Amino acid sequence: MCRNIKTLYNFEPPATEDEIHASALQFVRKLSGFNTPSKINEAAFNHAVEQVGSAARLLMDSLVTLAPPRNREAERAKAQLLSVRRFGGSR
């Protein structure tokens, strides 16, 4: 599992296009093993990022939930607390 990809669904405010693109980019980097592709692979890499981003947007637009949206700040605070408990100190 790629730890840098964050859950984007069911938050208030909703995920932005930039957040979806960043997740798609991280996913394609993980799959390909490239942080930055070579010139010969750049077009295929960028196309994959676009396709994954489109699929992610389609998925999030299609999902249905009865749960109330989560608060981004509250989730961020929980993650920071977990990090301190797990690794000690402040980050």
N, C-alpha and C. Protein backbone atom coordinates (compact mmCIF):
# COMPACT_ATOMS: atom_id res chain seq x y z
N MET A 1 0.84 -1.18 0.00
CA MET A 1 0.00 0.00 0.00
C MET A 1 0.88 1.23 0.00
N CYS A 2 0.54 2.17 -0.80
CA CYS A 2 1.29 3.42 -0.88
C CYS A 2 0.82 4.33 0.24
N ARG A 3 1.67 4.60 1.18
CA ARG A 3 1.27 5.36 2.36
C ARG A 3 1.00 6.83 2.09
N ASN A 4 1.49 7.35 0.97
CA ASN A 4 1.29 8.76 0.67
C ASN A 4 -0.06 9.04 0.02
N ILE A 5 -0.76 8.01 -0.40
CA ILE A 5 -2.07 8.22 -0.99
C ILE A 5 -3.10 8.28 0.14
N LYS A 6 -3.78 9.38 0.23
CA LYS A 6 -4.74 9.60 1.32
C LYS A 6 -6.16 9.35 0.83
N THR A 7 -7.03 8.99 1.78
CA THR A 7 -8.45 8.85 1.47
C THR A 7 -8.99 10.23 1.09
N LEU A 8 -9.70 10.29 -0.01
CA LEU A 8 -10.23 11.56 -0.49
C LEU A 8 -11.75 11.62 -0.45
N TYR A 9 -12.40 10.49 -0.24
CA TYR A 9 -13.85 10.44 -0.32
C TYR A 9 -14.51 10.82 0.99
N ASN A 10 -15.65 11.48 0.87
CA ASN A 10 -16.54 11.82 1.98
C ASN A 10 -15.91 12.79 2.98
N PHE A 11 -15.30 13.83 2.45
CA PHE A 11 -14.76 14.89 3.29
C PHE A 11 -15.48 16.20 2.97
N GLU A 12 -15.49 17.07 3.95
CA GLU A 12 -16.02 18.41 3.76
C GLU A 12 -14.89 19.37 4.06
N PRO A 13 -14.44 20.18 3.14
CA PRO A 13 -14.89 20.28 1.76
C PRO A 13 -14.41 19.08 0.94
N PRO A 14 -15.07 18.82 -0.19
CA PRO A 14 -14.71 17.67 -1.03
C PRO A 14 -13.29 17.80 -1.59
N ALA A 15 -12.76 16.67 -2.03
CA ALA A 15 -11.41 16.65 -2.62
C ALA A 15 -11.35 17.57 -3.83
N THR A 16 -10.23 18.24 -3.97
CA THR A 16 -10.02 19.13 -5.11
C THR A 16 -9.41 18.34 -6.27
N GLU A 17 -9.43 18.92 -7.44
CA GLU A 17 -8.80 18.29 -8.60
C GLU A 17 -7.29 18.13 -8.36
N ASP A 18 -6.69 19.07 -7.67
CA ASP A 18 -5.25 18.97 -7.37
C ASP A 18 -4.96 17.78 -6.47
N GLU A 19 -5.82 17.53 -5.47
CA GLU A 19 -5.62 16.38 -4.59
C GLU A 19 -5.79 15.07 -5.35
N ILE A 20 -6.76 15.02 -6.23
CA ILE A 20 -6.97 13.81 -7.03
C ILE A 20 -5.78 13.59 -7.96
N HIS A 21 -5.30 14.65 -8.58
CA HIS A 21 -4.13 14.53 -9.46
C HIS A 21 -2.91 14.05 -8.67
N ALA A 22 -2.69 14.60 -7.49
CA ALA A 22 -1.55 14.21 -6.66
C ALA A 22 -1.62 12.72 -6.30
N SER A 23 -2.81 12.24 -5.98
CA SER A 23 -2.97 10.82 -5.66
C SER A 23 -2.72 9.96 -6.89
N ALA A 24 -3.23 10.39 -8.04
CA ALA A 24 -3.02 9.65 -9.28
C ALA A 24 -1.54 9.60 -9.63
N LEU A 25 -0.86 10.72 -9.48
CA LEU A 25 0.57 10.78 -9.75
C LEU A 25 1.34 9.84 -8.83
N GLN A 26 1.02 9.84 -7.55
CA GLN A 26 1.70 8.96 -6.59
C GLN A 26 1.45 7.50 -6.92
N PHE A 27 0.23 7.17 -7.32
CA PHE A 27 -0.11 5.80 -7.68
C PHE A 27 0.68 5.34 -8.91
N VAL A 28 0.75 6.18 -9.93
CA VAL A 28 1.48 5.83 -11.15
C VAL A 28 2.98 5.74 -10.86
N ARG A 29 3.49 6.61 -10.01
CA ARG A 29 4.90 6.51 -9.61
C ARG A 29 5.18 5.18 -8.93
N LYS A 30 4.28 4.78 -8.06
CA LYS A 30 4.46 3.51 -7.34
C LYS A 30 4.42 2.33 -8.30
N LEU A 31 3.45 2.32 -9.21
CA LEU A 31 3.32 1.22 -10.16
C LEU A 31 4.52 1.13 -11.11
N SER A 32 4.95 2.28 -11.60
CA SER A 32 6.00 2.29 -12.62
C SER A 32 7.40 2.19 -12.03
N GLY A 33 7.55 2.61 -10.80
CA GLY A 33 8.88 2.65 -10.20
C GLY A 33 9.65 3.91 -10.58
N PHE A 34 9.00 4.82 -11.31
CA PHE A 34 9.65 6.07 -11.72
C PHE A 34 9.16 7.21 -10.84
N ASN A 35 10.09 7.99 -10.31
CA ASN A 35 9.69 9.24 -9.68
C ASN A 35 9.47 10.28 -10.77
N THR A 36 10.40 10.29 -11.71
CA THR A 36 10.30 11.13 -12.91
C THR A 36 10.65 10.23 -14.09
N PRO A 37 9.75 10.08 -15.05
CA PRO A 37 10.04 9.17 -16.17
C PRO A 37 11.07 9.76 -17.13
N SER A 38 11.72 8.90 -17.89
CA SER A 38 12.63 9.36 -18.93
C SER A 38 11.80 10.01 -20.03
N LYS A 39 12.46 10.75 -20.90
CA LYS A 39 11.76 11.42 -22.02
C LYS A 39 10.98 10.42 -22.86
N ILE A 40 11.56 9.24 -23.07
CA ILE A 40 10.91 8.24 -23.92
C ILE A 40 9.63 7.69 -23.28
N ASN A 41 9.56 7.72 -21.95
CA ASN A 41 8.39 7.19 -21.24
C ASN A 41 7.46 8.28 -20.72
N GLU A 42 7.82 9.53 -20.92
CA GLU A 42 7.06 10.64 -20.34
C GLU A 42 5.61 10.69 -20.82
N ALA A 43 5.37 10.50 -22.11
CA ALA A 43 4.00 10.56 -22.64
C ALA A 43 3.13 9.46 -22.04
N ALA A 44 3.66 8.24 -21.99
CA ALA A 44 2.90 7.12 -21.42
C ALA A 44 2.63 7.35 -19.93
N PHE A 45 3.62 7.86 -19.23
CA PHE A 45 3.49 8.14 -17.80
C PHE A 45 2.40 9.19 -17.56
N ASN A 46 2.47 10.30 -18.29
CA ASN A 46 1.48 11.37 -18.12
C ASN A 46 0.08 10.92 -18.51
N HIS A 47 -0.02 10.10 -19.55
CA HIS A 47 -1.32 9.57 -19.96
C HIS A 47 -1.90 8.69 -18.84
N ALA A 48 -1.05 7.88 -18.23
CA ALA A 48 -1.50 7.02 -17.13
C ALA A 48 -1.99 7.85 -15.95
N VAL A 49 -1.29 8.94 -15.65
CA VAL A 49 -1.72 9.82 -14.55
C VAL A 49 -3.10 10.40 -14.86
N GLU A 50 -3.31 10.83 -16.09
CA GLU A 50 -4.61 11.38 -16.49
C GLU A 50 -5.71 10.32 -16.38
N GLN A 51 -5.43 9.11 -16.84
CA GLN A 51 -6.42 8.04 -16.80
C GLN A 51 -6.77 7.64 -15.37
N VAL A 52 -5.76 7.52 -14.52
CA VAL A 52 -6.01 7.17 -13.12
C VAL A 52 -6.79 8.29 -12.42
N GLY A 53 -6.44 9.53 -12.71
CA GLY A 53 -7.18 10.65 -12.13
C GLY A 53 -8.63 10.66 -12.56
N SER A 54 -8.88 10.37 -13.84
CA SER A 54 -10.26 10.31 -14.35
C SER A 54 -11.03 9.18 -13.70
N ALA A 55 -10.38 8.03 -13.54
CA ALA A 55 -11.04 6.89 -12.89
C ALA A 55 -11.35 7.20 -11.43
N ALA A 56 -10.43 7.89 -10.76
CA ALA A 56 -10.65 8.26 -9.36
C ALA A 56 -11.83 9.21 -9.23
N ARG A 57 -11.89 10.22 -10.10
CA ARG A 57 -13.00 11.17 -10.06
C ARG A 57 -14.33 10.46 -10.33
N LEU A 58 -14.36 9.57 -11.33
CA LEU A 58 -15.55 8.81 -11.66
C LEU A 58 -16.00 7.97 -10.46
N LEU A 59 -15.04 7.32 -9.82
CA LEU A 59 -15.37 6.51 -8.64
C LEU A 59 -15.97 7.38 -7.54
N MET A 60 -15.32 8.48 -7.21
CA MET A 60 -15.82 9.31 -6.11
C MET A 60 -17.17 9.93 -6.42
N ASP A 61 -17.40 10.25 -7.69
CA ASP A 61 -18.71 10.80 -8.08
C ASP A 61 -19.81 9.73 -8.07
N SER A 62 -19.43 8.47 -8.16
CA SER A 62 -20.41 7.38 -8.22
C SER A 62 -20.72 6.78 -6.86
N LEU A 63 -19.85 6.96 -5.89
CA LEU A 63 -20.06 6.36 -4.57
C LEU A 63 -21.22 7.04 -3.83
N VAL A 64 -21.89 6.24 -3.00
CA VAL A 64 -23.01 6.73 -2.20
C VAL A 64 -22.74 6.36 -0.76
N THR A 65 -22.97 7.29 0.13
CA THR A 65 -22.81 7.01 1.56
C THR A 65 -23.92 7.69 2.35
N LEU A 66 -24.26 7.09 3.45
CA LEU A 66 -25.22 7.69 4.37
C LEU A 66 -24.49 8.34 5.55
N ALA A 67 -23.19 8.12 5.63
CA ALA A 67 -22.39 8.70 6.71
C ALA A 67 -22.19 10.19 6.46
N PRO A 68 -22.16 10.95 7.53
CA PRO A 68 -21.90 12.39 7.36
C PRO A 68 -20.46 12.60 6.89
N PRO A 69 -20.21 13.68 6.16
CA PRO A 69 -18.85 13.96 5.71
C PRO A 69 -17.90 14.14 6.90
N ARG A 70 -16.67 13.67 6.72
CA ARG A 70 -15.66 13.84 7.76
C ARG A 70 -15.03 15.23 7.64
N ASN A 71 -14.59 15.72 8.78
CA ASN A 71 -13.95 17.03 8.85
C ASN A 71 -12.44 16.86 8.62
N ARG A 72 -11.90 17.56 7.65
CA ARG A 72 -10.49 17.44 7.32
C ARG A 72 -9.57 17.78 8.49
N GLU A 73 -9.88 18.84 9.19
CA GLU A 73 -9.02 19.27 10.31
C GLU A 73 -9.04 18.24 11.44
N ALA A 74 -10.21 17.70 11.73
CA ALA A 74 -10.31 16.69 12.79
C ALA A 74 -9.52 15.43 12.40
N GLU A 75 -9.61 15.03 11.15
CA GLU A 75 -8.87 13.85 10.68
C GLU A 75 -7.36 14.10 10.71
N ARG A 76 -6.96 15.32 10.36
CA ARG A 76 -5.54 15.68 10.40
C ARG A 76 -5.02 15.63 11.83
N ALA A 77 -5.80 16.14 12.78
CA ALA A 77 -5.41 16.12 14.19
C ALA A 77 -5.28 14.68 14.70
N LYS A 78 -6.21 13.81 14.31
CA LYS A 78 -6.13 12.40 14.70
C LYS A 78 -4.85 11.76 14.17
N ALA A 79 -4.52 12.06 12.92
CA ALA A 79 -3.32 11.49 12.30
C ALA A 79 -2.06 11.97 13.01
N GLN A 80 -2.03 13.24 13.39
CA GLN A 80 -0.87 13.77 14.10
C GLN A 80 -0.73 13.12 15.47
N LEU A 81 -1.83 12.94 16.17
CA LEU A 81 -1.80 12.28 17.46
C LEU A 81 -1.30 10.84 17.32
N LEU A 82 -1.78 10.14 16.33
CA LEU A 82 -1.33 8.77 16.08
C LEU A 82 0.16 8.73 15.78
N SER A 83 0.64 9.69 15.02
CA SER A 83 2.06 9.76 14.69
C SER A 83 2.90 9.97 15.94
N VAL A 84 2.46 10.86 16.82
CA VAL A 84 3.19 11.10 18.07
C VAL A 84 3.21 9.84 18.92
N ARG A 85 2.09 9.16 19.02
CA ARG A 85 2.02 7.92 19.80
C ARG A 85 2.92 6.85 19.20
N ARG A 86 2.94 6.79 17.89
CA ARG A 86 3.69 5.75 17.19
C ARG A 86 5.19 6.00 17.19
N PHE A 87 5.59 7.24 16.94
CA PHE A 87 7.00 7.55 16.74
C PHE A 87 7.59 8.42 17.86
N GLY A 88 6.75 8.92 18.75
CA GLY A 88 7.23 9.77 19.84
C GLY A 88 7.57 11.16 19.36
N GLY A 89 7.71 12.08 20.30
CA GLY A 89 8.07 13.45 19.96
C GLY A 89 7.02 14.16 19.15
N SER A 90 7.34 15.36 18.75
CA SER A 90 6.41 16.12 17.91
C SER A 90 6.93 16.15 16.49
N ARG A 91 6.02 16.18 15.54
CA ARG A 91 6.39 16.20 14.12
C ARG A 91 5.94 17.48 13.50
